[in-house]
Amino acid sequence: RLMGKKAPTASLLCHFDGTDASTTIIDEYGKTCTAQGDAQIDTAQSVFSGASLLLDGTGDFVTVTDFADASPGSSDWLIECWIKPDINNAIKNIASKRTSTTSNGGWIFYVEAAGKLVIVGWNSGASVIIAKTGVTTVTTTGWHHVGALKIGTLWGVLLDGVVDVTGTETGTCGTAGTEVFRIGRDAGSAARDFDGHID
């Protein structure tokens, strides 16, 4: 407990550790993770433990079976990772949980074409309840600590230890049903597959 409050707990934790070129992705909490396309462990780049996830921007991503905290609903929520993008001049998805139509809600977290972080969420009626674009450019030089968060009704994006932008939701984020959680892909567009490394 910190300052009288219960410490937050994680629901998904992927270290992306392993041997070079391995396609085995492990979640510390036992969820089933599946490498798609040529998604693989790479020991040439890492922030932690000597390995990271390599995605080439063309059909490479990881799916995780649906779990209760994959979408925030009315709860506080945080997703974070380190990224080393190969490009920052096209929309590239970091993580998402939505169908291609957003008919039952969901969210996407990505780097947009001008190199800024973006979080977008929909309610169960497919209306946008939050859409915020950061102000700081994610460069292709080195690693960046990135995140998207929700505290109460406030959403924001984090870049290298700083809250880059915040905004207030206008409704509750839908769950996108039993849609899988994706790392490196947006269900709405394969052209947005992440190109680079994630740790």
Protein backbone atom coordinates (compact mmCIF):
# COMPACT_ATOMS: atom_id res chain seq x y z
CA ARG A 1 0.00 0.00 0.00
CA LEU A 2 1.17 3.49 -0.89
CA MET A 3 -0.12 6.49 1.08
CA GLY A 4 -3.00 4.41 2.42
CA LYS A 5 -4.12 3.25 -1.02
CA LYS A 6 -4.00 -0.21 -2.47
CA ALA A 7 -1.19 -0.58 -5.01
CA PRO A 8 -2.40 -1.21 -8.57
CA THR A 9 -2.17 -4.71 -9.97
CA ALA A 10 -1.34 -5.76 -13.52
CA SER A 11 -3.57 -7.90 -15.72
CA LEU A 12 -1.12 -8.49 -18.58
CA LEU A 13 2.67 -8.47 -18.45
CA CYS A 14 4.71 -9.47 -21.51
CA HIS A 15 8.47 -9.12 -21.16
CA PHE A 16 9.16 -10.26 -24.76
CA ASP A 17 12.13 -12.26 -23.50
CA GLY A 18 13.53 -15.41 -25.08
CA THR A 19 15.88 -16.65 -27.75
CA ASP A 20 16.43 -14.68 -30.94
CA ALA A 21 13.69 -15.21 -33.59
CA SER A 22 11.47 -17.12 -31.16
CA THR A 23 7.73 -16.74 -31.74
CA THR A 24 6.84 -17.78 -28.19
CA ILE A 25 5.25 -14.84 -26.38
CA ILE A 26 4.64 -15.29 -22.65
CA ASP A 27 2.29 -13.36 -20.38
CA GLU A 28 3.33 -13.57 -16.73
CA TYR A 29 -0.35 -14.02 -15.78
CA GLY A 30 -0.90 -16.99 -18.09
CA LYS A 31 -2.99 -15.51 -20.89
CA THR A 32 -2.59 -17.00 -24.34
CA CYS A 33 -0.46 -14.78 -26.57
CA THR A 34 -0.03 -15.64 -30.24
CA ALA A 35 2.56 -14.18 -32.61
CA GLN A 36 1.04 -13.35 -36.00
CA GLY A 37 2.91 -13.00 -39.28
CA ASP A 38 6.65 -12.68 -38.64
CA ALA A 39 6.31 -11.20 -35.14
CA GLN A 40 9.24 -12.50 -33.12
CA ILE A 41 11.63 -12.01 -30.24
CA ASP A 42 14.74 -10.03 -31.16
CA THR A 43 17.91 -9.95 -29.06
CA ALA A 44 19.51 -7.12 -31.07
CA GLN A 45 17.37 -4.44 -29.37
CA SER A 46 16.00 -4.18 -25.84
CA VAL A 47 15.39 -2.03 -22.81
CA PHE A 48 15.12 -4.91 -20.34
CA SER A 49 16.61 -8.41 -20.17
CA GLY A 50 18.31 -8.39 -23.58
CA ALA A 51 15.31 -8.95 -25.87
CA SER A 52 12.21 -7.24 -27.26
CA LEU A 53 9.37 -7.81 -29.72
CA LEU A 54 10.24 -7.15 -33.38
CA LEU A 55 7.45 -6.15 -35.79
CA ASP A 56 8.17 -5.28 -39.42
CA GLY A 57 5.04 -3.26 -40.20
CA THR A 58 3.59 -5.81 -42.62
CA GLY A 59 1.31 -8.39 -41.01
CA ASP A 60 3.24 -8.66 -37.73
CA PHE A 61 1.38 -8.33 -34.43
CA VAL A 62 0.50 -10.27 -31.28
CA THR A 63 -2.99 -11.28 -30.17
CA VAL A 64 -3.97 -11.90 -26.56
CA THR A 65 -7.18 -13.69 -25.61
CA ASP A 66 -9.82 -11.36 -24.20
CA PHE A 67 -9.56 -10.51 -20.50
CA ALA A 68 -11.63 -8.40 -18.13
CA ASP A 69 -9.32 -5.37 -17.91
CA ALA A 70 -8.48 -5.15 -21.61
CA SER A 71 -10.86 -2.19 -21.85
CA PRO A 72 -11.19 0.32 -19.01
CA GLY A 73 -14.96 0.68 -18.78
CA SER A 74 -15.54 2.92 -15.76
CA SER A 75 -12.34 1.82 -13.97
CA ASP A 76 -8.93 3.44 -13.78
CA TRP A 77 -6.61 1.92 -16.38
CA LEU A 78 -3.07 2.10 -17.73
CA ILE A 79 -1.22 0.54 -20.63
CA GLU A 80 2.50 1.20 -20.99
CA CYS A 81 5.53 -0.07 -22.85
CA TRP A 82 8.76 1.03 -24.44
CA ILE A 83 8.83 1.49 -28.22
CA LYS A 84 11.58 1.99 -30.76
CA PRO A 85 9.76 2.87 -34.01
CA ASP A 86 11.51 2.52 -37.33
CA ILE A 87 9.31 5.24 -38.87
CA ASN A 88 7.25 8.12 -37.45
CA ASN A 89 5.61 9.50 -40.59
CA ALA A 90 2.66 7.11 -40.85
CA ILE A 91 -0.05 5.85 -38.48
CA LYS A 92 1.40 2.90 -36.56
CA ASN A 93 -0.61 1.10 -33.89
CA ILE A 94 0.92 0.25 -30.52
CA ALA A 95 -2.05 -1.59 -29.00
CA SER A 96 -5.81 -1.85 -29.40
CA LYS A 97 -8.98 -3.64 -28.47
CA ARG A 98 -11.79 -2.99 -30.92
CA THR A 99 -13.54 -4.52 -33.88
CA SER A 100 -13.11 -2.97 -37.30
CA THR A 101 -16.46 -1.20 -36.90
CA THR A 102 -16.24 -0.18 -33.21
CA SER A 103 -19.90 -1.26 -33.02
CA ASN A 104 -19.50 -2.23 -29.37
CA GLY A 105 -16.79 0.15 -28.32
CA GLY A 106 -13.11 -0.32 -27.64
CA TRP A 107 -9.99 1.79 -28.00
CA ILE A 108 -6.77 2.29 -30.00
CA PHE A 109 -3.39 3.68 -28.97
CA TYR A 110 -1.04 4.65 -31.77
CA VAL A 111 1.59 6.97 -33.23
CA GLU A 112 -0.01 9.19 -35.87
CA ALA A 113 1.48 10.38 -39.15
CA ALA A 114 3.03 13.49 -37.59
CA GLY A 115 4.76 11.37 -34.96
CA LYS A 116 2.46 12.20 -32.01
CA LEU A 117 0.83 9.68 -29.65
CA VAL A 118 -2.96 9.28 -29.90
CA ILE A 119 -5.59 7.58 -27.73
CA VAL A 120 -9.15 7.11 -29.03
CA GLY A 121 -12.03 5.38 -27.25
CA TRP A 122 -15.61 4.53 -28.25
CA ASN A 123 -18.70 3.73 -26.23
CA SER A 124 -20.89 0.69 -26.85
CA GLY A 125 -22.88 2.71 -29.37
CA ALA A 126 -19.78 3.39 -31.51
CA SER A 127 -19.60 7.07 -30.57
CA VAL A 128 -16.19 8.57 -29.81
CA ILE A 129 -15.91 9.31 -26.07
CA ILE A 130 -12.27 10.42 -26.09
CA ALA A 131 -9.77 11.37 -28.81
CA LYS A 132 -6.56 13.05 -27.71
CA THR A 133 -3.38 13.69 -29.69
CA GLY A 134 -0.11 14.41 -27.94
CA VAL A 135 2.01 17.48 -28.57
CA THR A 136 5.50 15.94 -28.52
CA THR A 137 6.99 14.01 -31.44
CA VAL A 138 8.06 10.41 -30.94
CA THR A 139 11.41 10.20 -32.69
CA THR A 140 12.97 7.21 -34.41
CA THR A 141 16.15 7.71 -32.39
CA GLY A 142 16.35 5.38 -29.41
CA TRP A 143 13.67 4.01 -27.12
CA HIS A 144 10.63 5.88 -25.76
CA HIS A 145 8.53 5.04 -22.71
CA VAL A 146 4.90 5.50 -23.80
CA GLY A 147 1.55 5.01 -22.17
CA ALA A 148 -2.18 5.65 -22.27
CA LEU A 149 -4.13 6.06 -19.07
CA LYS A 150 -7.56 6.73 -17.61
CA ILE A 151 -8.09 8.06 -14.10
CA GLY A 152 -11.73 8.70 -13.28
CA THR A 153 -13.07 10.44 -16.38
CA LEU A 154 -9.68 11.85 -17.38
CA TRP A 155 -7.68 10.19 -20.17
CA GLY A 156 -4.15 10.99 -21.28
CA VAL A 157 -1.02 9.88 -23.07
CA LEU A 158 2.44 9.62 -21.53
CA LEU A 159 5.76 10.11 -23.28
CA ASP A 160 9.14 9.57 -21.63
CA GLY A 161 7.89 10.11 -18.10
CA VAL A 162 5.72 13.14 -18.86
CA VAL A 163 1.96 13.46 -19.28
CA ASP A 164 1.84 14.78 -22.83
CA VAL A 165 -1.88 15.56 -23.12
CA THR A 166 -5.13 14.90 -21.23
CA GLY A 167 -8.84 15.13 -21.92
CA THR A 168 -12.18 14.25 -20.32
CA GLU A 169 -14.32 11.41 -21.62
CA THR A 170 -17.90 12.05 -22.71
CA GLY A 171 -19.11 8.53 -21.95
CA THR A 172 -17.98 5.06 -20.90
CA CYS A 173 -15.59 3.05 -23.07
CA GLY A 174 -17.24 -0.07 -24.45
CA THR A 175 -15.63 -3.48 -24.11
CA ALA A 176 -15.53 -4.42 -27.82
CA GLY A 177 -17.18 -7.67 -26.74
CA THR A 178 -14.82 -10.64 -26.69
CA GLU A 179 -12.55 -9.13 -29.33
CA VAL A 180 -8.88 -9.98 -28.77
CA PHE A 181 -6.33 -7.51 -27.41
CA ARG A 182 -3.78 -6.68 -30.11
CA ILE A 183 -0.19 -5.52 -29.74
CA GLY A 184 1.07 -3.78 -32.87
CA ARG A 185 -2.19 -3.79 -34.87
CA ASP A 186 -5.46 -1.90 -35.21
CA ALA A 187 -8.34 -4.19 -36.19
CA GLY A 188 -9.60 -1.41 -38.45
CA SER A 189 -6.55 -1.31 -40.71
CA ALA A 190 -3.67 -3.72 -41.38
CA ALA A 191 -1.86 -0.78 -43.01
CA ARG A 192 -1.30 0.56 -39.48
CA ASP A 193 0.80 -2.39 -38.26
CA PHE A 194 3.62 -1.22 -36.00
CA ASP A 195 7.09 -1.06 -37.54
CA GLY A 196 9.89 -1.40 -35.00
CA HIS A 197 10.47 -2.84 -31.52
CA ILE A 198 8.31 -3.01 -28.38
CA ASP A 199 9.52 -3.94 -24.89
